[in-house]
Amino acid sequence: MALLEVRDLHTSFFTDAGEVKAVNGVSFNLDRGQTLGIVGESGSGKSVTVYSILQILAPAGKIVSGSVKLDGQELVNAGEKVMRDVRGNKISIIFQDPMTSLNPTYTIGDQIMEAILLHTDRTREQAYARAIEMLELVGVNDPEKRMKQYPHEHSGGMRQRVMIAMALACEPDILIADEPTTALDVTIQAQILELMQRLQKELGMAIIMITHDLGVVAQMCDEIVVMYAGSYCERGTAEEIFYNPKHEYTKGLLRSIPTMDTMGQKLQPITGTPIDLLNLPKGCPFAPRCDAAMKICIRQAPEQMVINEDHKASCWMNVKALMDAQAAVEDAGAAEGGEA
């Protein structure tokens, strides 16, 4: 049984302008020790998906339907008491900007100790010792001094290390990293990713990595979910997604990444703008921006197609390719029959 099972999750925000379908039928499994990457543009539903799992949505947000099971326990409609035990204890999250996630009026030590005291039966002295231990684990120098300092007294990379220490203090089964390296320079980014990989091996936890940086998921992730307009358009192993993409959106994302082979050439960005989630189309949501779009793409949404046991995609181009291959086989057979 998978550690985390998400099935047909639908989350909407009910606004004065109408219902914004931010997550529209997302499904995936997460096994122990696995790293899952969720990628896509801003507004594709990546963060809302994991916020739905933890049920930390804004007041206008609501899980409309679907199932989220942690170790077989249903979390949707489980109640706030259950979710308080899950958050920070079984599932922890590192938010995108540590400066806005940490409370500027409390010391680093108080904030780490608060999580430990809330979710464990440790005394204050034991919580202090655990906080020191976690800061040492994530590579913070002179931890006893840092415990007495405030967030503004730390660099961006150091604050992110503090956030990781806080998230791992209660040894969660799952760590969610929501754009954990966006605000950091390349050197610190590499250090943070290396730290997360090392801690994953030491603690045996699963990781959900949310990012728009495909370079990060290539380095970190075992499986990748590519999201667009609130739903996943493709999912598979990192090798399948990078070397055998089967959705036009994924291909567009890969074309927009600078590589050694494209030095001196212009990048090929995805044209157009993300779709309005207030007015989702009948067909494929990516069709208005897709250079390969056909008439059926506008009229009807594609079904999920199994490419192989490690790869699924929802794109009419795969159906077209299959039909073209079958037609070629039939033509070849007819030609052989005519010659006979």
C-alpha atoms as a PDB file:
ATOM      1  CA  MET A   1       0.000   0.000   0.000  1.00  0.00           C
ATOM      2  CA  ALA A   2       1.249   3.453  -0.918  1.00  0.00           C
ATOM      3  CA  LEU A   3       2.107   5.865   1.891  1.00  0.00           C
ATOM      4  CA  LEU A   4      -0.020   8.613   0.302  1.00  0.00           C
ATOM      5  CA  GLU A   5      -2.870   8.015  -2.153  1.00  0.00           C
ATOM      6  CA  VAL A   6      -4.562  10.963  -3.884  1.00  0.00           C
ATOM      7  CA  ARG A   7      -7.556  10.051  -6.019  1.00  0.00           C
ATOM      8  CA  ASP A   8      -9.543  12.339  -8.339  1.00  0.00           C
ATOM      9  CA  LEU A   9      -8.974  15.406  -6.150  1.00  0.00           C
ATOM     10  CA  HIS A  10     -11.068  18.487  -6.986  1.00  0.00           C
ATOM     11  CA  THR A  11     -10.485  21.779  -5.147  1.00  0.00           C
ATOM     12  CA  SER A  12     -12.233  25.052  -5.954  1.00  0.00           C
ATOM     13  CA  PHE A  13     -12.164  28.630  -4.734  1.00  0.00           C
ATOM     14  CA  PHE A  14     -15.601  30.194  -4.534  1.00  0.00           C
ATOM     15  CA  THR A  15     -15.264  33.895  -5.337  1.00  0.00           C
ATOM     16  CA  ASP A  16     -17.585  36.755  -6.249  1.00  0.00           C
ATOM     17  CA  ALA A  17     -16.582  36.218  -9.890  1.00  0.00           C
ATOM     18  CA  GLY A  18     -17.479  32.513  -9.769  1.00  0.00           C
ATOM     19  CA  GLU A  19     -15.958  29.108  -9.037  1.00  0.00           C
ATOM     20  CA  VAL A  20     -12.238  28.840  -9.737  1.00  0.00           C
ATOM     21  CA  LYS A  21     -11.449  25.158 -10.339  1.00  0.00           C
ATOM     22  CA  ALA A  22      -7.875  25.237  -9.106  1.00  0.00           C
ATOM     23  CA  VAL A  23      -7.413  21.451  -8.872  1.00  0.00           C
ATOM     24  CA  ASN A  24      -9.409  19.398 -11.321  1.00  0.00           C
ATOM     25  CA  GLY A  25      -9.114  15.625 -10.925  1.00  0.00           C
ATOM     26  CA  VAL A  26      -5.527  15.044  -9.757  1.00  0.00           C
ATOM     27  CA  SER A  27      -4.441  11.504  -8.814  1.00  0.00           C
ATOM     28  CA  PHE A  28      -1.086  10.078  -7.744  1.00  0.00           C
ATOM     29  CA  ASN A  29       0.605   7.707  -5.290  1.00  0.00           C
ATOM     30  CA  LEU A  30       3.643   8.349  -3.110  1.00  0.00           C
ATOM     31  CA  ASP A  31       5.654   5.463  -1.673  1.00  0.00           C
ATOM     32  CA  ARG A  32       7.970   5.526   1.325  1.00  0.00           C
ATOM     33  CA  GLY A  33      11.384   6.916   0.460  1.00  0.00           C
ATOM     34  CA  GLN A  34      10.192   8.128  -2.954  1.00  0.00           C
ATOM     35  CA  THR A  35      10.631  11.651  -4.331  1.00  0.00           C
ATOM     36  CA  LEU A  36       7.743  12.954  -6.433  1.00  0.00           C
ATOM     37  CA  GLY A  37       8.093  16.129  -8.478  1.00  0.00           C
ATOM     38  CA  ILE A  38       5.094  18.307  -9.354  1.00  0.00           C
ATOM     39  CA  VAL A  39       5.957  20.791 -12.098  1.00  0.00           C
ATOM     40  CA  GLY A  40       4.151  23.404 -14.153  1.00  0.00           C
ATOM     41  CA  GLU A  41       3.743  27.134 -14.642  1.00  0.00           C
ATOM     42  CA  SER A  42       2.544  29.501 -11.938  1.00  0.00           C
ATOM     43  CA  GLY A  43      -1.185  29.021 -11.504  1.00  0.00           C
ATOM     44  CA  SER A  44      -1.205  25.413 -12.707  1.00  0.00           C
ATOM     45  CA  GLY A  45      -2.442  24.111  -9.329  1.00  0.00           C
ATOM     46  CA  LYS A  46       0.779  22.691  -7.881  1.00  0.00           C
ATOM     47  CA  SER A  47       0.687  24.405  -4.491  1.00  0.00           C
ATOM     48  CA  VAL A  48      -3.096  24.164  -4.135  1.00  0.00           C
ATOM     49  CA  THR A  49      -2.815  20.390  -4.585  1.00  0.00           C
ATOM     50  CA  VAL A  50      -0.532  19.972  -1.567  1.00  0.00           C
ATOM     51  CA  TYR A  51      -2.396  22.620   0.436  1.00  0.00           C
ATOM     52  CA  SER A  52      -5.501  20.489  -0.158  1.00  0.00           C
ATOM     53  CA  ILE A  53      -3.679  17.433   1.196  1.00  0.00           C
ATOM     54  CA  LEU A  54      -2.813  19.354   4.376  1.00  0.00           C
ATOM     55  CA  GLN A  55      -6.146  21.246   4.313  1.00  0.00           C
ATOM     56  CA  ILE A  56      -4.516  24.649   4.777  1.00  0.00           C
ATOM     57  CA  LEU A  57      -6.513  26.373   2.044  1.00  0.00           C
ATOM     58  CA  ALA A  58      -7.601  30.012   2.122  1.00  0.00           C
ATOM     59  CA  PRO A  59     -11.139  30.558   3.483  1.00  0.00           C
ATOM     60  CA  ALA A  60     -12.608  30.665  -0.057  1.00  0.00           C
ATOM     61  CA  GLY A  61     -11.028  27.305  -0.915  1.00  0.00           C
ATOM     62  CA  LYS A  62     -12.788  23.973  -0.490  1.00  0.00           C
ATOM     63  CA  ILE A  63     -12.161  20.345  -1.422  1.00  0.00           C
ATOM     64  CA  VAL A  64     -15.193  19.612  -3.605  1.00  0.00           C
ATOM     65  CA  SER A  65     -14.583  15.890  -4.087  1.00  0.00           C
ATOM     66  CA  GLY A  66     -11.905  13.235  -4.130  1.00  0.00           C
ATOM     67  CA  SER A  67      -9.899  11.182  -1.678  1.00  0.00           C
ATOM     68  CA  VAL A  68      -6.617  11.687   0.174  1.00  0.00           C
ATOM     69  CA  LYS A  69      -5.390   8.694   2.181  1.00  0.00           C
ATOM     70  CA  LEU A  70      -2.320   8.698   4.407  1.00  0.00           C
ATOM     71  CA  ASP A  71      -1.292   5.158   5.370  1.00  0.00           C
ATOM     72  CA  GLY A  72      -4.840   4.069   4.554  1.00  0.00           C
ATOM     73  CA  GLN A  73      -6.494   6.779   6.681  1.00  0.00           C
ATOM     74  CA  GLU A  74      -8.889   9.082   4.828  1.00  0.00           C
ATOM     75  CA  LEU A  75      -8.035  12.744   5.425  1.00  0.00           C
ATOM     76  CA  VAL A  76     -10.803  14.468   3.449  1.00  0.00           C
ATOM     77  CA  ASN A  77     -13.532  15.433   5.947  1.00  0.00           C
ATOM     78  CA  ALA A  78     -11.525  13.798   8.757  1.00  0.00           C
ATOM     79  CA  GLY A  79     -11.856  16.895  10.935  1.00  0.00           C
ATOM     80  CA  GLU A  80      -9.476  19.507  12.320  1.00  0.00           C
ATOM     81  CA  LYS A  81      -8.402  17.355  15.283  1.00  0.00           C
ATOM     82  CA  VAL A  82      -7.067  14.662  12.948  1.00  0.00           C
ATOM     83  CA  MET A  83      -5.397  17.199  10.673  1.00  0.00           C
ATOM     84  CA  ARG A  84      -3.594  18.865  13.582  1.00  0.00           C
ATOM     85  CA  ASP A  85      -1.996  15.511  14.335  1.00  0.00           C
ATOM     86  CA  VAL A  86      -1.046  15.079  10.657  1.00  0.00           C
ATOM     87  CA  ARG A  87       0.410  18.550  10.036  1.00  0.00           C
ATOM     88  CA  GLY A  88       4.008  18.853  11.195  1.00  0.00           C
ATOM     89  CA  ASN A  89       3.955  15.398  12.738  1.00  0.00           C
ATOM     90  CA  LYS A  90       3.290  13.057   9.778  1.00  0.00           C
ATOM     91  CA  ILE A  91       3.445  15.543   6.909  1.00  0.00           C
ATOM     92  CA  SER A  92       5.602  18.678   7.069  1.00  0.00           C
ATOM     93  CA  ILE A  93       5.950  21.483   4.549  1.00  0.00           C
ATOM     94  CA  ILE A  94       8.703  23.938   3.610  1.00  0.00           C
ATOM     95  CA  PHE A  95       7.146  27.066   2.143  1.00  0.00           C
ATOM     96  CA  GLN A  96       8.546  29.072  -0.749  1.00  0.00           C
ATOM     97  CA  ASP A  97       9.715  32.170   1.117  1.00  0.00           C
ATOM     98  CA  PRO A  98      11.211  31.493   4.569  1.00  0.00           C
ATOM     99  CA  MET A  99      11.208  35.190   5.482  1.00  0.00           C
ATOM    100  CA  THR A 100       7.415  35.378   5.310  1.00  0.00           C
ATOM    101  CA  SER A 101       6.965  31.891   6.790  1.00  0.00           C
ATOM    102  CA  LEU A 102       8.995  32.569   9.933  1.00  0.00           C
ATOM    103  CA  ASN A 103       7.533  34.856  12.608  1.00  0.00           C
ATOM    104  CA  PRO A 104       9.766  37.967  12.814  1.00  0.00           C
ATOM    105  CA  THR A 105       8.844  38.584  16.491  1.00  0.00           C
ATOM    106  CA  TYR A 106      10.030  35.196  17.813  1.00  0.00           C
ATOM    107  CA  THR A 107      13.534  33.777  17.967  1.00  0.00           C
ATOM    108  CA  ILE A 108      14.547  30.864  15.763  1.00  0.00           C
ATOM    109  CA  GLY A 109      14.798  28.626  18.813  1.00  0.00           C
ATOM    110  CA  ASP A 110      11.287  29.421  20.054  1.00  0.00           C
ATOM    111  CA  GLN A 111       9.790  28.639  16.637  1.00  0.00           C
ATOM    112  CA  ILE A 112      11.517  25.260  16.284  1.00  0.00           C
ATOM    113  CA  MET A 113      10.713  24.320  19.880  1.00  0.00           C
ATOM    114  CA  GLU A 114       7.051  25.248  19.412  1.00  0.00           C
ATOM    115  CA  ALA A 115       6.643  22.541  16.739  1.00  0.00           C
ATOM    116  CA  ILE A 116       8.377  19.955  18.924  1.00  0.00           C
ATOM    117  CA  LEU A 117       6.318  20.775  22.039  1.00  0.00           C
ATOM    118  CA  LEU A 118       3.080  20.767  20.039  1.00  0.00           C
ATOM    119  CA  HIS A 119       3.542  17.359  18.399  1.00  0.00           C
ATOM    120  CA  THR A 120       5.584  15.387  20.938  1.00  0.00           C
ATOM    121  CA  ASP A 121       5.562  14.755  24.693  1.00  0.00           C
ATOM    122  CA  ARG A 122       9.060  16.185  25.176  1.00  0.00           C
ATOM    123  CA  THR A 123       9.752  18.619  28.000  1.00  0.00           C
ATOM    124  CA  ARG A 124      10.983  22.148  27.252  1.00  0.00           C
ATOM    125  CA  GLU A 125      14.568  21.116  28.039  1.00  0.00           C
ATOM    126  CA  GLN A 126      14.297  18.120  25.721  1.00  0.00           C
ATOM    127  CA  ALA A 127      12.728  20.293  23.012  1.00  0.00           C
ATOM    128  CA  TYR A 128      15.637  22.721  23.295  1.00  0.00           C
ATOM    129  CA  ALA A 129      18.152  19.888  22.924  1.00  0.00           C
ATOM    130  CA  ARG A 130      16.194  18.539  19.917  1.00  0.00           C
ATOM    131  CA  ALA A 131      16.183  21.987  18.275  1.00  0.00           C
ATOM    132  CA  ILE A 132      19.970  22.237  18.700  1.00  0.00           C
ATOM    133  CA  GLU A 133      20.318  18.743  17.228  1.00  0.00           C
ATOM    134  CA  MET A 134      18.194  19.663  14.175  1.00  0.00           C
ATOM    135  CA  LEU A 135      20.110  22.869  13.496  1.00  0.00           C
ATOM    136  CA  GLU A 136      23.353  20.890  13.579  1.00  0.00           C
ATOM    137  CA  LEU A 137      21.802  18.294  11.261  1.00  0.00           C
ATOM    138  CA  VAL A 138      20.965  20.888   8.594  1.00  0.00           C
ATOM    139  CA  GLY A 139      24.409  22.476   8.776  1.00  0.00           C
ATOM    140  CA  VAL A 140      23.748  25.626  10.809  1.00  0.00           C
ATOM    141  CA  ASN A 141      26.965  26.759  12.468  1.00  0.00           C
ATOM    142  CA  ASP A 142      27.020  27.760  16.152  1.00  0.00           C
ATOM    143  CA  PRO A 143      23.441  26.524  16.760  1.00  0.00           C
ATOM    144  CA  GLU A 144      23.196  27.711  20.377  1.00  0.00           C
ATOM    145  CA  LYS A 145      23.856  31.284  19.263  1.00  0.00           C
ATOM    146  CA  ARG A 146      21.440  30.954  16.331  1.00  0.00           C
ATOM    147  CA  MET A 147      18.679  29.751  18.658  1.00  0.00           C
ATOM    148  CA  LYS A 148      18.609  33.197  20.294  1.00  0.00           C
ATOM    149  CA  GLN A 149      18.562  35.135  17.028  1.00  0.00           C
ATOM    150  CA  TYR A 150      15.604  36.405  14.994  1.00  0.00           C
ATOM    151  CA  PRO A 151      14.862  35.532  11.328  1.00  0.00           C
ATOM    152  CA  HIS A 152      16.133  38.888  10.007  1.00  0.00           C
ATOM    153  CA  GLU A 153      19.565  38.125  11.453  1.00  0.00           C
ATOM    154  CA  HIS A 154      20.005  35.182   9.058  1.00  0.00           C
ATOM    155  CA  SER A 155      20.756  35.008   5.335  1.00  0.00           C
ATOM    156  CA  GLY A 156      18.227  33.547   2.897  1.00  0.00           C
ATOM    157  CA  GLY A 157      20.025  30.209   2.735  1.00  0.00           C
ATOM    158  CA  MET A 158      20.304  30.033   6.525  1.00  0.00           C
ATOM    159  CA  ARG A 159      16.591  30.809   6.960  1.00  0.00           C
ATOM    160  CA  GLN A 160      15.757  28.006   4.538  1.00  0.00           C
ATOM    161  CA  ARG A 161      17.909  25.629   6.582  1.00  0.00           C
ATOM    162  CA  VAL A 162      15.993  26.702   9.683  1.00  0.00           C
ATOM    163  CA  MET A 163      12.711  25.953   7.875  1.00  0.00           C
ATOM    164  CA  ILE A 164      13.991  22.482   6.980  1.00  0.00           C
ATOM    165  CA  ALA A 165      15.088  21.897  10.591  1.00  0.00           C
ATOM    166  CA  MET A 166      11.631  22.931  11.803  1.00  0.00           C
ATOM    167  CA  ALA A 167       9.899  20.695   9.242  1.00  0.00           C
ATOM    168  CA  LEU A 168      11.995  17.650  10.166  1.00  0.00           C
ATOM    169  CA  ALA A 169      12.016  18.131  13.946  1.00  0.00           C
ATOM    170  CA  CYS A 170       9.198  15.624  14.462  1.00  0.00           C
ATOM    171  CA  GLU A 171      10.549  13.142  11.889  1.00  0.00           C
ATOM    172  CA  PRO A 172       7.599  13.269   9.448  1.00  0.00           C
ATOM    173  CA  ASP A 173       6.832  10.490   6.983  1.00  0.00           C
ATOM    174  CA  ILE A 174       6.430  13.029   4.163  1.00  0.00           C
ATOM    175  CA  LEU A 175       8.215  16.321   3.514  1.00  0.00           C
ATOM    176  CA  ILE A 176       6.558  18.737   1.083  1.00  0.00           C
ATOM    177  CA  ALA A 177       8.952  21.282  -0.412  1.00  0.00           C
ATOM    178  CA  ASP A 178       7.043  24.114  -2.109  1.00  0.00           C
ATOM    179  CA  GLU A 179       9.558  25.920  -4.350  1.00  0.00           C
ATOM    180  CA  PRO A 180      12.229  25.587  -1.623  1.00  0.00           C
ATOM    181  CA  THR A 181      15.076  27.124  -3.629  1.00  0.00           C
ATOM    182  CA  THR A 182      13.366  29.824  -5.734  1.00  0.00           C
ATOM    183  CA  ALA A 183      14.702  32.798  -3.767  1.00  0.00           C
ATOM    184  CA  LEU A 184      18.227  31.416  -3.407  1.00  0.00           C
ATOM    185  CA  ASP A 185      21.304  31.816  -5.587  1.00  0.00           C
ATOM    186  CA  VAL A 186      22.627  28.820  -7.508  1.00  0.00           C
ATOM    187  CA  THR A 187      25.328  27.878  -4.989  1.00  0.00           C
ATOM    188  CA  ILE A 188      22.974  27.899  -1.982  1.00  0.00           C
ATOM    189  CA  GLN A 189      20.313  26.143  -4.074  1.00  0.00           C
ATOM    190  CA  ALA A 190      22.689  23.245  -4.732  1.00  0.00           C
ATOM    191  CA  GLN A 191      23.535  23.037  -1.017  1.00  0.00           C
ATOM    192  CA  ILE A 192      19.865  22.927   0.005  1.00  0.00           C
ATOM    193  CA  LEU A 193      19.023  20.204  -2.541  1.00  0.00           C
ATOM    194  CA  GLU A 194      22.032  18.150  -1.463  1.00  0.00           C
ATOM    195  CA  LEU A 195      20.963  18.582   2.163  1.00  0.00           C
ATOM    196  CA  MET A 196      17.424  17.374   1.423  1.00  0.00           C
ATOM    197  CA  GLN A 197      18.716  14.307  -0.411  1.00  0.00           C
ATOM    198  CA  ARG A 198      21.077  13.446   2.452  1.00  0.00           C
ATOM    199  CA  LEU A 199      18.369  13.847   5.093  1.00  0.00           C
ATOM    200  CA  GLN A 200      15.966  11.752   3.045  1.00  0.00           C
ATOM    201  CA  LYS A 201      18.444   8.861   3.042  1.00  0.00           C
ATOM    202  CA  GLU A 202      19.143   9.243   6.752  1.00  0.00           C
ATOM    203  CA  LEU A 203      15.502   9.561   7.850  1.00  0.00           C
ATOM    204  CA  GLY A 204      13.811   7.410   5.161  1.00  0.00           C
ATOM    205  CA  MET A 205      11.091   9.971   4.440  1.00  0.00           C
ATOM    206  CA  ALA A 206       9.207  10.594   1.191  1.00  0.00           C
ATOM    207  CA  ILE A 207       9.437  14.000  -0.510  1.00  0.00           C
ATOM    208  CA  ILE A 208       7.015  15.934  -2.698  1.00  0.00           C
ATOM    209  CA  MET A 209       8.979  18.572  -4.596  1.00  0.00           C
ATOM    210  CA  ILE A 210       6.921  21.409  -6.085  1.00  0.00           C
ATOM    211  CA  THR A 211       8.783  23.528  -8.601  1.00  0.00           C
ATOM    212  CA  HIS A 212       8.780  25.089 -12.049  1.00  0.00           C
ATOM    213  CA  ASP A 213      12.489  24.308 -12.394  1.00  0.00           C
ATOM    214  CA  LEU A 214      12.860  21.116 -14.433  1.00  0.00           C
ATOM    215  CA  GLY A 215      16.566  21.054 -13.618  1.00  0.00           C
ATOM    216  CA  VAL A 216      15.701  20.509  -9.957  1.00  0.00           C
ATOM    217  CA  VAL A 217      13.318  17.613 -10.615  1.00  0.00           C
ATOM    218  CA  ALA A 218      15.819  15.966 -12.956  1.00  0.00           C
ATOM    219  CA  GLN A 219      18.306  15.919 -10.094  1.00  0.00           C
ATOM    220  CA  MET A 220      15.931  15.018  -7.268  1.00  0.00           C
ATOM    221  CA  CYS A 221      12.844  13.107  -8.384  1.00  0.00           C
ATOM    222  CA  ASP A 222      11.956   9.485  -9.101  1.00  0.00           C
ATOM    223  CA  GLU A 223       8.566  10.321 -10.634  1.00  0.00           C
ATOM    224  CA  ILE A 224       7.200  13.538 -12.140  1.00  0.00           C
ATOM    225  CA  VAL A 225       3.662  14.909 -12.452  1.00  0.00           C
ATOM    226  CA  VAL A 226       3.277  17.700 -15.017  1.00  0.00           C
ATOM    227  CA  MET A 227       0.300  19.958 -14.219  1.00  0.00           C
ATOM    228  CA  TYR A 228      -1.596  22.412 -16.381  1.00  0.00           C
ATOM    229  CA  ALA A 229      -4.879  24.235 -15.641  1.00  0.00           C
ATOM    230  CA  GLY A 230      -5.474  22.355 -12.405  1.00  0.00           C
ATOM    231  CA  SER A 231      -5.020  18.816 -13.713  1.00  0.00           C
ATOM    232  CA  TYR A 232      -2.090  16.646 -14.628  1.00  0.00           C
ATOM    233  CA  CYS A 233      -1.430  16.287 -18.322  1.00  0.00           C
ATOM    234  CA  GLU A 234       1.433  13.817 -18.004  1.00  0.00           C
ATOM    235  CA  ARG A 235       3.112  11.729 -15.351  1.00  0.00           C
ATOM    236  CA  GLY A 236       5.879   9.178 -15.371  1.00  0.00           C
ATOM    237  CA  THR A 237       9.405   8.422 -14.252  1.00  0.00           C
ATOM    238  CA  ALA A 238      11.953  11.204 -14.603  1.00  0.00           C
ATOM    239  CA  GLU A 239      13.629   9.292 -17.425  1.00  0.00           C
ATOM    240  CA  GLU A 240      10.363   8.926 -19.357  1.00  0.00           C
ATOM    241  CA  ILE A 241       9.368  12.578 -18.933  1.00  0.00           C
ATOM    242  CA  PHE A 242      12.743  13.955 -19.994  1.00  0.00           C
ATOM    243  CA  TYR A 243      13.602  11.540 -22.800  1.00  0.00           C
ATOM    244  CA  ASN A 244      10.167  10.474 -24.043  1.00  0.00           C
ATOM    245  CA  PRO A 245       7.675  13.336 -23.416  1.00  0.00           C
ATOM    246  CA  LYS A 246       4.201  12.621 -24.761  1.00  0.00           C
ATOM    247  CA  HIS A 247       2.284  15.841 -24.092  1.00  0.00           C
ATOM    248  CA  GLU A 248       2.787  19.020 -26.105  1.00  0.00           C
ATOM    249  CA  TYR A 249       2.908  21.115 -22.914  1.00  0.00           C
ATOM    250  CA  THR A 250       5.727  18.996 -21.480  1.00  0.00           C
ATOM    251  CA  LYS A 251       7.592  19.272 -24.776  1.00  0.00           C
ATOM    252  CA  GLY A 252       7.165  23.051 -24.613  1.00  0.00           C
ATOM    253  CA  LEU A 253       8.568  23.184 -21.089  1.00  0.00           C
ATOM    254  CA  LEU A 254      11.587  21.130 -22.126  1.00  0.00           C
ATOM    255  CA  ARG A 255      12.201  23.300 -25.208  1.00  0.00           C
ATOM    256  CA  SER A 256      12.303  26.399 -23.025  1.00  0.00           C
ATOM    257  CA  ILE A 257      15.223  25.126 -20.931  1.00  0.00           C
ATOM    258  CA  PRO A 258      18.679  26.355 -21.976  1.00  0.00           C
ATOM    259  CA  THR A 259      21.126  23.507 -22.607  1.00  0.00           C
ATOM    260  CA  MET A 260      24.664  23.131 -23.881  1.00  0.00           C
ATOM    261  CA  ASP A 261      23.211  22.135 -27.262  1.00  0.00           C
ATOM    262  CA  THR A 262      21.212  25.389 -27.546  1.00  0.00           C
ATOM    263  CA  MET A 263      24.043  27.812 -26.781  1.00  0.00           C
ATOM    264  CA  GLY A 264      23.821  30.805 -29.118  1.00  0.00           C
ATOM    265  CA  GLN A 265      20.265  29.927 -30.153  1.00  0.00           C
ATOM    266  CA  LYS A 266      17.020  31.602 -29.150  1.00  0.00           C
ATOM    267  CA  LEU A 267      14.907  29.711 -26.637  1.00  0.00           C
ATOM    268  CA  GLN A 268      11.439  28.620 -27.747  1.00  0.00           C
ATOM    269  CA  PRO A 269       8.973  29.826 -25.102  1.00  0.00           C
ATOM    270  CA  ILE A 270       5.403  28.570 -24.891  1.00  0.00           C
ATOM    271  CA  THR A 271       3.316  31.269 -26.544  1.00  0.00           C
ATOM    272  CA  GLY A 272       0.122  32.716 -25.060  1.00  0.00           C
ATOM    273  CA  THR A 273      -0.974  32.913 -21.447  1.00  0.00           C
ATOM    274  CA  PRO A 274      -2.338  30.336 -18.963  1.00  0.00           C
ATOM    275  CA  ILE A 275      -6.026  29.598 -19.299  1.00  0.00           C
ATOM    276  CA  ASP A 276      -8.728  31.296 -17.202  1.00  0.00           C
ATOM    277  CA  LEU A 277      -9.731  28.745 -14.540  1.00  0.00           C
ATOM    278  CA  LEU A 278     -13.113  30.482 -14.197  1.00  0.00           C
ATOM    279  CA  ASN A 279     -13.995  29.387 -17.730  1.00  0.00           C
ATOM    280  CA  LEU A 280     -12.409  26.041 -18.502  1.00  0.00           C
ATOM    281  CA  PRO A 281     -12.967  24.905 -22.115  1.00  0.00           C
ATOM    282  CA  LYS A 282     -14.668  21.687 -23.209  1.00  0.00           C
ATOM    283  CA  GLY A 283     -11.571  20.471 -24.955  1.00  0.00           C
ATOM    284  CA  CYS A 284      -7.923  20.244 -23.982  1.00  0.00           C
ATOM    285  CA  PRO A 285      -7.062  23.269 -21.802  1.00  0.00           C
ATOM    286  CA  PHE A 286      -3.672  23.596 -23.519  1.00  0.00           C
ATOM    287  CA  ALA A 287      -5.166  23.662 -27.042  1.00  0.00           C
ATOM    288  CA  PRO A 288      -5.258  27.510 -27.381  1.00  0.00           C
ATOM    289  CA  ARG A 289      -1.466  27.603 -26.860  1.00  0.00           C
ATOM    290  CA  CYS A 290      -0.578  24.406 -28.720  1.00  0.00           C
ATOM    291  CA  ASP A 291       1.039  24.641 -32.175  1.00  0.00           C
ATOM    292  CA  ALA A 292      -0.032  21.069 -32.954  1.00  0.00           C
ATOM    293  CA  ALA A 293      -3.692  21.476 -31.905  1.00  0.00           C
ATOM    294  CA  MET A 294      -6.325  19.710 -34.023  1.00  0.00           C
ATOM    295  CA  LYS A 295     -10.090  20.276 -34.250  1.00  0.00           C
ATOM    296  CA  ILE A 296     -10.812  17.489 -31.774  1.00  0.00           C
ATOM    297  CA  CYS A 297      -8.483  19.189 -29.239  1.00  0.00           C
ATOM    298  CA  ILE A 298     -10.890  22.153 -29.147  1.00  0.00           C
ATOM    299  CA  ARG A 299     -14.073  20.060 -28.981  1.00  0.00           C
ATOM    300  CA  GLN A 300     -13.199  17.255 -26.557  1.00  0.00           C
ATOM    301  CA  ALA A 301     -10.825  16.774 -23.649  1.00  0.00           C
ATOM    302  CA  PRO A 302      -8.393  13.871 -24.191  1.00  0.00           C
ATOM    303  CA  GLU A 303      -8.565  10.759 -22.045  1.00  0.00           C
ATOM    304  CA  GLN A 304      -5.556   9.526 -20.128  1.00  0.00           C
ATOM    305  CA  MET A 305      -3.526   7.191 -22.325  1.00  0.00           C
ATOM    306  CA  VAL A 306      -1.094   4.585 -21.013  1.00  0.00           C
ATOM    307  CA  ILE A 307       2.186   4.984 -22.890  1.00  0.00           C
ATOM    308  CA  ASN A 308       3.858   2.203 -20.895  1.00  0.00           C
ATOM    309  CA  GLU A 309       3.801   0.935 -17.312  1.00  0.00           C
ATOM    310  CA  ASP A 310       5.869   3.940 -16.165  1.00  0.00           C
ATOM    311  CA  HIS A 311       4.232   6.657 -18.248  1.00  0.00           C
ATOM    312  CA  LYS A 312       0.749   8.172 -18.805  1.00  0.00           C
ATOM    313  CA  ALA A 313      -0.324  11.246 -20.777  1.00  0.00           C
ATOM    314  CA  SER A 314      -3.525  13.022 -21.825  1.00  0.00           C
ATOM    315  CA  CYS A 315      -2.927  14.297 -25.355  1.00  0.00           C
ATOM    316  CA  TRP A 316      -4.742  13.678 -28.647  1.00  0.00           C
ATOM    317  CA  MET A 317      -1.396  13.613 -30.468  1.00  0.00           C
ATOM    318  CA  ASN A 318      -0.728  10.195 -28.940  1.00  0.00           C
ATOM    319  CA  VAL A 319      -4.016   8.891 -30.318  1.00  0.00           C
ATOM    320  CA  LYS A 320      -3.139  10.370 -33.722  1.00  0.00           C
ATOM    321  CA  ALA A 321       0.305   8.753 -33.639  1.00  0.00           C
ATOM    322  CA  LEU A 322      -1.259   5.383 -32.779  1.00  0.00           C
ATOM    323  CA  MET A 323      -3.808   5.679 -35.614  1.00  0.00           C
ATOM    324  CA  ASP A 324      -1.082   6.704 -38.070  1.00  0.00           C
ATOM    325  CA  ALA A 325       1.015   3.695 -37.046  1.00  0.00           C
ATOM    326  CA  GLN A 326      -1.946   1.338 -37.484  1.00  0.00           C
ATOM    327  CA  ALA A 327      -2.731   2.844 -40.893  1.00  0.00           C
ATOM    328  CA  ALA A 328       0.894   2.372 -41.957  1.00  0.00           C
ATOM    329  CA  VAL A 329       0.764  -1.297 -40.924  1.00  0.00           C
ATOM    330  CA  GLU A 330      -2.511  -1.810 -42.829  1.00  0.00           C
ATOM    331  CA  ASP A 331      -1.105  -0.075 -45.924  1.00  0.00           C
ATOM    332  CA  ALA A 332       1.989  -2.264 -45.777  1.00  0.00           C
ATOM    333  CA  GLY A 333      -0.176  -5.364 -45.449  1.00  0.00           C
ATOM    334  CA  ALA A 334      -2.364  -4.313 -48.388  1.00  0.00           C
ATOM    335  CA  ALA A 335       0.722  -3.653 -50.503  1.00  0.00           C
ATOM    336  CA  GLU A 336       2.100  -7.141 -49.746  1.00  0.00           C
ATOM    337  CA  GLY A 337      -1.278  -8.681 -50.572  1.00  0.00           C
ATOM    338  CA  GLY A 338      -1.429  -6.854 -53.915  1.00  0.00           C
ATOM    339  CA  GLU A 339       2.030  -8.054 -54.884  1.00  0.00           C
ATOM    340  CA  ALA A 340       1.045 -11.616 -54.073  1.00  0.00           C
END
